Structure formats: structure tokens, C-alpha cells
């Protein structure tokens, strides 16, 4: 077995040790996963694994263990690879059994016994993964600051590694025969064994692909997003993952220049282990599915887990073991809530009622679905926002400091008519082309209607408005697959800022009553953030993320009391409250309870929810009278 320090720098040696010790049976694969899981459980062990999110690719050692915090943007077709194969030493006439798992190209330097009965073809799934869209800068900074790998560069973490990779790419073009020496009898991913001749022939087009790498669309949903895209190869339980899941992947980094080589002649040598029809794809598909590894590296997943959130201040999962974590925070919740309400009141120009509702909006989440109805969503239309003074832009910057994931969509006529909101399937390239609404769960999406201007929506604009309405009402996005639409459920918190009532639907309209309008809004909001102590800001961030993850229930006793109260309200004024209003009240009561750190509804919090709703409705009616909309 390898020494303890080798599992990060040379994980394949650790795998080799387990493979040799356990033989080619199925147990060795399970023991590899168990080995790395145990290593990662050790205190601060995960911090010693470099991250693709933080460390530039050219500073990472090829074939080392790296991690990646990402979102599954697309899923490619499964691919075949040589899981087990034998090599023949022509001098000693001996055979050696090898594994192909966690590798793209096996440089064995010996002849592969293709006819050996011990060769085993296996299958793996490829995910196209990108950094989580809309991740706030403070999230990235905290994750980067906790990483120990960055502070201990070795010789393999120097820019010279980057330099050599490009030199090797050039060498491949200038001296194609070298490929035969480097990759003789190699097993390359889904192309199987014996691809040396094909790689030799395809070196020039492969290099052409590398030279045009800057023109490749990395398929990020949001404009101006940055970060690495990655092809993640998954070997176990890939059926448990789906598009738009957030993952944390620990795997073997693969950046061999040969991976960017085109596959157009792959079946001519008769050496492919797959169906030849699998290679009858277009040049566009080859370009998308085999991008240059210098731009889109491969990551062979050993340990993969879904993420409930990306808040670096919370445990990765909140289960029974983390109950103590919640218990320790409970005494502080009331103080943090009061401080956060004060902060939001200042951010909302002195409006404490709007601050209450904004806080409830931040902690809302879809906790279940009943048929097509998403329960728990709480979209808010903040009407009465100042126009043309940059207030909404500054408000979003403030929101970014509180929540881990957010995006502000300015609803200008140009954006509505030109941006792609709905992802669609490109059958030529055989990929899912992303859209603005392909977002991770619990993303805060702010729609800024204050920037609307007169003009005509074209067909694209109408489709985009319809998509926003479906997102808000049903928490779903209908992806366009040309011949049909496929429904993708989502869980996105939508805040609409507008001058008057929004054109879009919402669960709750809150009219902003500004108590003051600062002469310089940007300076005012900057000073507001500066005045918050870093320790308190951290507590705000923990508070908002934690309450989204807490369970909630209503006792039979309180349920009966609520039903009786509803009957009484209906008796006094049948038109005053409907079944839909009752549902809305229950959502508000749920959020009021959770905001105080309580996981059950009490009579007091039910009354508080009714008070808030009465104040909100009264304000809207007053505004309607002021605008002359009512007699």
C-alpha cells in the first residue's frame, strides 16, 4: 500500500496498491472508494486537496487528486472503456493485469493482449460540469482561504507545467510519430485499446482543435460567468444524479493533450471496442464532446456527493450528527434576527415592514410538491422602488453579501428580446445549450422591472416572459428539445423590483414606503455594508442558509385552531378570505416560525402572521387610493 502522503499527489498509485492486493474482482473497486472516503473524513484532510475552483489548472499536477464544486450542466451519452486488460512483455513473455479505471490514456509502454479473456469492457457516464452559477464572491473567497493546498506548492505546481503542456501539443503536430512511442498499446477512454495509430494519424486536426480552443463556448448559463468547465467521469451510481444538481467531486485530474484529438478516423483501424455507429457523429459534436483538456480538463470521480448548499460556513449536510450544530446556534437566533431586520430596514430605506417580508423571502424554499403545486415558495414583488437612481442595482449588491447564490436580471427590452432564458437541445452538437434560467436550487433571482422601457416584445421576448411566469408560479422551466418540451422542476427564490405593480405574477406584493431617499444611493449602501461587523455578517449568512434547511411541522392542536379561526374569519366577512388566502397565510406563518428558529407553529406566531398580512394589505389598498385606482 502507498504511504499516507501519496493519496493526494499520486492517487493512482493508491488505486494500484488496492488493485494488486485484491485482484481483479469487484471488491477492489469498492475498497478504492472506501479508502478515499476514509481519508477525506480525517480532520482538515479535504482542505489539502487542491480545488479546480481556486487553483489555476496549470498549477495542478496531472493525475493528482483534485476537487471541484460544480453544477451538472449537461449529461453526455455513456461511454465504454477498458476496465481490465493484459499487457505482454515481449522480452520476458510475461503478462501483467492492469486496470483502466480513473484513466483516459493508459501509457503502459507494452503490447496489449486484445484477445485475452481477462479483458473487461466497462461503462462510465460523463457529466459536463461548470462552477455553480451566480456564486457570490464571499463564498469563493472563504472556500479559497480554507484551502491548504494553495500554500504548499511543489515543483509540479509551477507555471512550467502549463508551458510544457503547450510544448507537448506543438510537438504532437511537428512530430506525429512520437505519439506512437508515447501511446503505444494505450487504452484511451471510450476508444478502447490500440489507439496509437489513430492518434498518430489525427495529430494535426487534434492540434487544430487546440489552437481554436478560445472559440469554444463553455456553455455558462449566466453572462460574464468565469471559471473552469470540466468533464466529470462518473463510475458508480450515476443514475442518482440529474441535470442541475450541485456536486462536490473528488477525483483524478486528467489533462493529457491527446484527449483533444478528433475521433473521425477512429473506426478505420478496427480497434474500437464500441459500436462503430457511436463514432458517426458530426465535427461539431466531436468539438463539443472532446474539447482541449487545457481548457476543459477531465476529472475521474472517486468520491462524489450532492450538495444541499454552497455556504462554506455550514456543514456539507445537516443530518442527525449535525443537530448539535443547530442547537448551539439557537440562543443567538433571536439576536441575529433582530440585527438582520435592522440591517434590511436600512437597506430598504427605513421600511421595517418590507424588511420583514424580505427576510421571509430569503429563507423560503420549495419543501415538497403536491401534484404540480410547489409548496413553500414565496416570490415577492417589491413595488414602489425608486427609478433611475441606481437603487435596485445597489440593493442586489447588498443581497449578494447575504446569500450564497444570486443573480440580477435587468428586464430591459433588449435583454428580454435577445437573451436565451430557456435551455435548448442542440442536436447537431448533441448537447444541452444553457439559458439564464438554468440555475441551481435556492438561487436568489432578482428581476429588475424598474429598467423597463417602451417598446415591442418580439417572439423571443414573449417566450422569455412566459418562461418567467412559469418559473414564478410553478417553479419549473420547460427546456426546449425542438420536437417537445421537457419539464425541469426548480427551486429558485424570485424577487421582483418594480415601480408600480409587477407585470409578472408573484406570491406577495409589498409596496415599499421609503422613509428617506439618500442623495447618493451607492455611497449610502456601501456605508451600510461597511458598518456591519464581519462577525455579524457571517452570522447573517449562516442564519439565512440554515433556516432554509430546517424541518417544519404543525401539530394537530394548532391545525384545529387555525381551521376554527378560518371559519370565524369567513363568517364575519365571506369575501375577506379565500382558501387561497388561507394557504398564503400558512406559508407566511411557516416562515415567521422558522425565522425565529422554531420548527412548529404556535398560536402566537399564527397571530403574528395575520398582523403582518393585515399591515401589508392595508398599505396596498392605501396606495391604490393614492394612485386613483379605486373610488
Foldseek 3Di string as FASTA:
>chain_A
DDDPVCCFAAVVVVLVVLCVVPDPDPVSLVVSLVVVVVQVPPPLSLLQAAELFAAQPQLDFAQGKHKYWWFQAWKDDKFKFWQKWWFADVVVRDIDIDGCAQHFKDQPQGATPPPDPGTDMDIWIKTWIDHAAQFFPVLSVVSNVSRPNVVDGDPSRDNVSVVVQVVVLVCCQVPLVVLCRRRPQMIGTRQGTGCSVVLSVQSVVLSVLVVCLVVDDSQDADPPDDGAIAIEIEDPDPVVDDGQWTKMFIFGKHQHQSLSTFCQCSPVVVRGPDDPVVNPADPLQRCVVRHHCSRYIYGYGSDMDTAPFSRPVDPRDDDPVCVVVLVVCQVCLVVLLVVQLVLQCVLLQNDSLVSLLVLLLLLWKQPDADVQAGAGAFAEEAAQDDADQCSVVLSVVVVSLAERGEDEDEPELCCLQPFFAAWEADVNNRIIRHHNPSHHASHEYEYEPSNYDDDDHDPSSVVSLVQVQCCAGRQWGFHHHPVGTDIDHHMYRYYYYYHHTDPHDGLYYFYRDRPDDDPRNNVSSVVSVVPDDPVSSSVSNCLSVVLSPDAADEDPVVVVVLVVVVVVVCVVPVVPDDPSNSSSLVSQLCSQCSSSVHRYGDPVSSVVSVVSVVVRVVVVVVVCVVVVVDD
